[in-house]
Amino acid sequence: MNPHPLALVYVAISFLVNFLLETLVIWPFFKKSFNFSRIALFVLLINAFTWPLVHIFYNSVAIVLFLEIFAVIAESLLIMFLFEIRYVKSLLISLIANVASFTLGFVIVQVIITYFIY
């Protein structure tokens, strides 16, 4: 079975939107301690780990909540390690970033695909 010709474009746009939204959410928390490039690199590394794992199994609505909880926990651990902060703070930052990327990201990706790709 051949995938839809625009499937790769959708995946790339989805990852990019997720990365940009989470970078913009996480940046204010660390802008005094880290430069923007370092923050973006850390967010890229975090998303390179969690985004593919979540999206491999993202074919069922029934497991979306489980996958998002996994992403919040996994990303909070990576945020804690990379930014050297307490776990409670990293969990809060991860929760905020993931809620933003899940809600806004879905809308933004759908608008891009609908109005600029098709």
N, C-alpha and C. Protein backbone atom coordinates (compact mmCIF):
# COMPACT_ATOMS: atom_id res chain seq x y z
N MET A 1 0.85 -1.17 0.00
CA MET A 1 0.00 0.00 0.00
C MET A 1 0.90 1.24 0.00
N ASN A 2 0.63 2.14 -0.90
CA ASN A 2 1.40 3.37 -1.01
C ASN A 2 0.79 4.45 -0.12
N PRO A 3 1.64 5.19 0.61
CA PRO A 3 1.11 6.28 1.42
C PRO A 3 0.66 7.44 0.53
N HIS A 4 -0.16 8.28 1.09
CA HIS A 4 -0.62 9.47 0.37
C HIS A 4 0.61 10.30 0.00
N PRO A 5 0.64 10.89 -1.20
CA PRO A 5 1.82 11.66 -1.63
C PRO A 5 2.20 12.81 -0.70
N LEU A 6 1.23 13.35 0.02
CA LEU A 6 1.52 14.47 0.91
C LEU A 6 1.73 14.04 2.36
N ALA A 7 1.79 12.73 2.60
CA ALA A 7 1.95 12.24 3.97
C ALA A 7 3.25 12.76 4.60
N LEU A 8 4.33 12.74 3.85
CA LEU A 8 5.61 13.22 4.38
C LEU A 8 5.57 14.72 4.65
N VAL A 9 4.89 15.46 3.79
CA VAL A 9 4.73 16.90 4.01
C VAL A 9 3.96 17.15 5.30
N TYR A 10 2.89 16.40 5.52
CA TYR A 10 2.10 16.53 6.74
C TYR A 10 2.94 16.23 7.97
N VAL A 11 3.73 15.17 7.91
CA VAL A 11 4.59 14.79 9.04
C VAL A 11 5.60 15.89 9.32
N ALA A 12 6.23 16.41 8.28
CA ALA A 12 7.24 17.47 8.46
C ALA A 12 6.61 18.74 9.04
N ILE A 13 5.46 19.14 8.51
CA ILE A 13 4.78 20.33 9.02
C ILE A 13 4.37 20.13 10.47
N SER A 14 3.84 18.96 10.77
CA SER A 14 3.40 18.65 12.13
C SER A 14 4.57 18.73 13.12
N PHE A 15 5.71 18.15 12.74
CA PHE A 15 6.88 18.20 13.63
C PHE A 15 7.37 19.63 13.80
N LEU A 16 7.46 20.36 12.70
CA LEU A 16 7.95 21.74 12.75
C LEU A 16 7.05 22.63 13.60
N VAL A 17 5.75 22.52 13.44
CA VAL A 17 4.80 23.31 14.24
C VAL A 17 4.95 22.95 15.71
N ASN A 18 5.04 21.67 16.01
CA ASN A 18 5.21 21.22 17.39
C ASN A 18 6.49 21.79 18.00
N PHE A 19 7.58 21.69 17.25
CA PHE A 19 8.87 22.21 17.71
C PHE A 19 8.80 23.72 17.96
N LEU A 20 8.24 24.45 17.03
CA LEU A 20 8.16 25.91 17.18
C LEU A 20 7.28 26.32 18.36
N LEU A 21 6.13 25.69 18.50
CA LEU A 21 5.24 26.03 19.61
C LEU A 21 5.88 25.71 20.95
N GLU A 22 6.47 24.53 21.08
CA GLU A 22 7.09 24.17 22.35
C GLU A 22 8.31 25.04 22.65
N THR A 23 9.06 25.42 21.63
CA THR A 23 10.20 26.32 21.86
C THR A 23 9.70 27.67 22.37
N LEU A 24 8.64 28.19 21.76
CA LEU A 24 8.11 29.48 22.20
C LEU A 24 7.51 29.42 23.60
N VAL A 25 6.98 28.29 23.99
CA VAL A 25 6.43 28.14 25.34
C VAL A 25 7.54 27.98 26.36
N ILE A 26 8.56 27.21 26.04
CA ILE A 26 9.64 26.92 27.00
C ILE A 26 10.62 28.08 27.12
N TRP A 27 10.83 28.82 26.06
CA TRP A 27 11.82 29.91 26.05
C TRP A 27 11.67 30.90 27.21
N PRO A 28 10.49 31.40 27.52
CA PRO A 28 10.39 32.40 28.61
C PRO A 28 10.84 31.87 29.97
N PHE A 29 10.72 30.57 30.19
CA PHE A 29 11.13 29.99 31.47
C PHE A 29 12.65 30.00 31.65
N PHE A 30 13.40 30.00 30.54
CA PHE A 30 14.84 29.84 30.63
C PHE A 30 15.65 30.94 29.96
N LYS A 31 15.00 32.00 29.50
CA LYS A 31 15.70 33.02 28.72
C LYS A 31 16.78 33.74 29.53
N LYS A 32 16.69 33.76 30.85
CA LYS A 32 17.73 34.39 31.66
C LYS A 32 18.94 33.49 31.86
N SER A 33 18.74 32.19 31.75
CA SER A 33 19.82 31.23 32.01
C SER A 33 20.47 30.67 30.74
N PHE A 34 19.71 30.63 29.65
CA PHE A 34 20.20 30.03 28.42
C PHE A 34 19.86 30.94 27.24
N ASN A 35 20.74 30.94 26.23
CA ASN A 35 20.40 31.72 25.03
C ASN A 35 19.37 30.96 24.20
N PHE A 36 18.72 31.67 23.30
CA PHE A 36 17.63 31.08 22.51
C PHE A 36 18.10 29.86 21.73
N SER A 37 19.30 29.91 21.18
CA SER A 37 19.82 28.78 20.40
C SER A 37 19.93 27.52 21.23
N ARG A 38 20.41 27.65 22.45
CA ARG A 38 20.54 26.48 23.34
C ARG A 38 19.17 25.94 23.70
N ILE A 39 18.23 26.82 24.00
CA ILE A 39 16.88 26.40 24.33
C ILE A 39 16.26 25.67 23.14
N ALA A 40 16.39 26.23 21.95
CA ALA A 40 15.84 25.60 20.75
C ALA A 40 16.49 24.24 20.50
N LEU A 41 17.80 24.14 20.71
CA LEU A 41 18.49 22.86 20.54
C LEU A 41 17.95 21.83 21.53
N PHE A 42 17.79 22.21 22.79
CA PHE A 42 17.26 21.28 23.79
C PHE A 42 15.84 20.84 23.42
N VAL A 43 15.01 21.77 22.98
CA VAL A 43 13.64 21.43 22.59
C VAL A 43 13.66 20.49 21.37
N LEU A 44 14.55 20.76 20.44
CA LEU A 44 14.69 19.88 19.27
C LEU A 44 15.09 18.47 19.70
N LEU A 45 16.05 18.35 20.60
CA LEU A 45 16.48 17.04 21.10
C LEU A 45 15.34 16.32 21.82
N ILE A 46 14.62 17.06 22.64
CA ILE A 46 13.49 16.48 23.38
C ILE A 46 12.43 15.98 22.40
N ASN A 47 12.08 16.82 21.43
CA ASN A 47 11.06 16.44 20.46
C ASN A 47 11.53 15.34 19.51
N ALA A 48 12.81 15.29 19.23
CA ALA A 48 13.34 14.21 18.39
C ALA A 48 13.15 12.85 19.07
N PHE A 49 13.10 12.86 20.39
CA PHE A 49 12.88 11.62 21.14
C PHE A 49 11.40 11.30 21.30
N THR A 50 10.61 12.27 21.76
CA THR A 50 9.22 11.98 22.13
C THR A 50 8.24 12.04 20.96
N TRP A 51 8.44 12.98 20.04
CA TRP A 51 7.47 13.15 18.94
C TRP A 51 7.29 11.88 18.11
N PRO A 52 8.37 11.25 17.65
CA PRO A 52 8.17 10.02 16.85
C PRO A 52 7.49 8.91 17.66
N LEU A 53 7.86 8.76 18.93
CA LEU A 53 7.24 7.71 19.74
C LEU A 53 5.75 7.92 19.89
N VAL A 54 5.35 9.16 20.11
CA VAL A 54 3.92 9.46 20.24
C VAL A 54 3.20 9.24 18.91
N HIS A 55 3.78 9.69 17.82
CA HIS A 55 3.07 9.65 16.54
C HIS A 55 3.08 8.28 15.86
N ILE A 56 3.95 7.39 16.26
CA ILE A 56 3.91 6.03 15.73
C ILE A 56 2.60 5.35 16.13
N PHE A 57 2.16 5.62 17.36
CA PHE A 57 0.96 4.97 17.88
C PHE A 57 -0.27 5.88 17.86
N TYR A 58 -0.18 7.00 17.16
CA TYR A 58 -1.23 8.02 17.19
C TYR A 58 -2.39 7.71 16.25
N ASN A 59 -2.61 6.45 15.94
CA ASN A 59 -3.66 6.09 14.98
C ASN A 59 -4.99 5.76 15.64
N SER A 60 -5.07 5.87 16.95
CA SER A 60 -6.30 5.54 17.64
C SER A 60 -6.64 6.62 18.65
N VAL A 61 -7.86 7.10 18.59
CA VAL A 61 -8.31 8.14 19.52
C VAL A 61 -8.28 7.63 20.96
N ALA A 62 -8.47 6.34 21.12
CA ALA A 62 -8.52 5.75 22.46
C ALA A 62 -7.20 5.89 23.22
N ILE A 63 -6.10 5.97 22.49
CA ILE A 63 -4.82 6.04 23.19
C ILE A 63 -4.19 7.44 23.18
N VAL A 64 -4.89 8.42 22.66
CA VAL A 64 -4.35 9.78 22.60
C VAL A 64 -4.00 10.30 23.99
N LEU A 65 -4.90 10.14 24.94
CA LEU A 65 -4.65 10.61 26.30
C LEU A 65 -3.42 9.94 26.90
N PHE A 66 -3.31 8.63 26.73
CA PHE A 66 -2.14 7.91 27.23
C PHE A 66 -0.86 8.44 26.59
N LEU A 67 -0.88 8.66 25.29
CA LEU A 67 0.31 9.14 24.59
C LEU A 67 0.70 10.54 25.04
N GLU A 68 -0.29 11.39 25.25
CA GLU A 68 0.01 12.75 25.72
C GLU A 68 0.57 12.73 27.15
N ILE A 69 0.05 11.86 27.99
CA ILE A 69 0.60 11.72 29.35
C ILE A 69 2.03 11.22 29.28
N PHE A 70 2.29 10.24 28.40
CA PHE A 70 3.65 9.76 28.20
C PHE A 70 4.57 10.90 27.77
N ALA A 71 4.11 11.71 26.81
CA ALA A 71 4.92 12.83 26.32
C ALA A 71 5.22 13.82 27.42
N VAL A 72 4.23 14.15 28.22
CA VAL A 72 4.44 15.11 29.32
C VAL A 72 5.48 14.57 30.31
N ILE A 73 5.35 13.32 30.69
CA ILE A 73 6.29 12.74 31.66
C ILE A 73 7.69 12.61 31.08
N ALA A 74 7.78 12.07 29.87
CA ALA A 74 9.10 11.90 29.24
C ALA A 74 9.78 13.24 29.01
N GLU A 75 9.04 14.21 28.51
CA GLU A 75 9.62 15.53 28.25
C GLU A 75 9.97 16.24 29.55
N SER A 76 9.19 16.03 30.60
CA SER A 76 9.52 16.67 31.87
C SER A 76 10.85 16.13 32.42
N LEU A 77 11.08 14.84 32.25
CA LEU A 77 12.36 14.27 32.69
C LEU A 77 13.52 14.82 31.87
N LEU A 78 13.32 14.94 30.56
CA LEU A 78 14.37 15.50 29.71
C LEU A 78 14.60 16.98 30.00
N ILE A 79 13.54 17.73 30.25
CA ILE A 79 13.67 19.15 30.61
C ILE A 79 14.44 19.27 31.93
N MET A 80 14.09 18.44 32.91
CA MET A 80 14.77 18.47 34.20
C MET A 80 16.27 18.22 34.02
N PHE A 81 16.61 17.23 33.21
CA PHE A 81 18.02 16.87 33.00
C PHE A 81 18.76 17.94 32.19
N LEU A 82 18.20 18.37 31.08
CA LEU A 82 18.90 19.31 30.20
C LEU A 82 19.01 20.72 30.79
N PHE A 83 17.95 21.17 31.45
CA PHE A 83 17.96 22.53 31.99
C PHE A 83 18.37 22.58 33.46
N GLU A 84 18.59 21.41 34.04
CA GLU A 84 19.06 21.29 35.43
C GLU A 84 18.14 22.04 36.39
N ILE A 85 16.87 21.64 36.40
CA ILE A 85 15.88 22.24 37.29
C ILE A 85 15.18 21.14 38.08
N ARG A 86 14.39 21.56 39.08
CA ARG A 86 13.62 20.61 39.89
C ARG A 86 12.53 19.95 39.03
N TYR A 87 12.16 18.73 39.44
CA TYR A 87 11.19 17.98 38.65
C TYR A 87 9.82 18.64 38.61
N VAL A 88 9.37 19.18 39.71
CA VAL A 88 8.03 19.80 39.73
C VAL A 88 7.95 20.93 38.71
N LYS A 89 8.99 21.75 38.63
CA LYS A 89 9.00 22.84 37.66
C LYS A 89 9.05 22.29 36.23
N SER A 90 9.86 21.27 36.01
CA SER A 90 9.94 20.69 34.66
C SER A 90 8.63 20.03 34.26
N LEU A 91 7.93 19.44 35.20
CA LEU A 91 6.63 18.83 34.91
C LEU A 91 5.62 19.90 34.51
N LEU A 92 5.61 21.01 35.23
CA LEU A 92 4.69 22.11 34.91
C LEU A 92 5.00 22.68 33.52
N ILE A 93 6.28 22.91 33.23
CA ILE A 93 6.67 23.44 31.93
C ILE A 93 6.29 22.47 30.81
N SER A 94 6.54 21.19 31.02
CA SER A 94 6.19 20.19 30.02
C SER A 94 4.68 20.13 29.80
N LEU A 95 3.91 20.22 30.86
CA LEU A 95 2.45 20.20 30.74
C LEU A 95 1.96 21.40 29.92
N ILE A 96 2.47 22.58 30.25
CA ILE A 96 2.07 23.79 29.52
C ILE A 96 2.46 23.68 28.04
N ALA A 97 3.69 23.25 27.78
CA ALA A 97 4.17 23.13 26.40
C ALA A 97 3.36 22.11 25.60
N ASN A 98 3.03 21.00 26.22
CA ASN A 98 2.29 19.96 25.51
C ASN A 98 0.83 20.31 25.29
N VAL A 99 0.22 20.98 26.23
CA VAL A 99 -1.16 21.43 26.02
C VAL A 99 -1.19 22.43 24.87
N ALA A 100 -0.22 23.35 24.85
CA ALA A 100 -0.16 24.34 23.77
C ALA A 100 0.08 23.67 22.42
N SER A 101 1.05 22.77 22.37
CA SER A 101 1.37 22.15 21.08
C SER A 101 0.26 21.20 20.62
N PHE A 102 -0.43 20.56 21.55
CA PHE A 102 -1.52 19.66 21.17
C PHE A 102 -2.71 20.44 20.62
N THR A 103 -3.11 21.48 21.32
CA THR A 103 -4.30 22.23 20.91
C THR A 103 -4.00 23.18 19.75
N LEU A 104 -3.05 24.07 19.95
CA LEU A 104 -2.72 25.02 18.88
C LEU A 104 -2.09 24.32 17.68
N GLY A 105 -1.26 23.34 17.96
CA GLY A 105 -0.59 22.62 16.87
C GLY A 105 -1.57 21.95 15.94
N PHE A 106 -2.58 21.32 16.50
CA PHE A 106 -3.59 20.66 15.68
C PHE A 106 -4.27 21.66 14.76
N VAL A 107 -4.67 22.78 15.31
CA VAL A 107 -5.37 23.82 14.53
C VAL A 107 -4.44 24.38 13.45
N ILE A 108 -3.22 24.73 13.82
CA ILE A 108 -2.27 25.32 12.87
C ILE A 108 -1.96 24.36 11.73
N VAL A 109 -1.70 23.10 12.06
CA VAL A 109 -1.38 22.11 11.02
C VAL A 109 -2.57 21.93 10.09
N GLN A 110 -3.78 21.87 10.63
CA GLN A 110 -4.96 21.70 9.78
C GLN A 110 -5.14 22.91 8.85
N VAL A 111 -4.91 24.12 9.36
CA VAL A 111 -5.02 25.32 8.52
C VAL A 111 -3.96 25.29 7.42
N ILE A 112 -2.73 24.96 7.76
CA ILE A 112 -1.65 24.91 6.76
C ILE A 112 -1.98 23.88 5.69
N ILE A 113 -2.38 22.69 6.10
CA ILE A 113 -2.67 21.63 5.15
C ILE A 113 -3.87 22.01 4.28
N THR A 114 -4.92 22.52 4.90
CA THR A 114 -6.14 22.85 4.17
C THR A 114 -5.97 24.00 3.20
N TYR A 115 -5.35 25.08 3.65
CA TYR A 115 -5.31 26.29 2.84
C TYR A 115 -4.04 26.48 2.01
N PHE A 116 -2.96 25.81 2.38
CA PHE A 116 -1.71 26.04 1.66
C PHE A 116 -1.20 24.82 0.91
N ILE A 117 -1.65 23.64 1.28
CA ILE A 117 -1.16 22.44 0.63
C ILE A 117 -2.18 21.89 -0.37
N TYR A 118 -3.43 21.77 0.04
CA TYR A 118 -4.47 21.23 -0.86
C TYR A 118 -5.06 22.29 -1.72
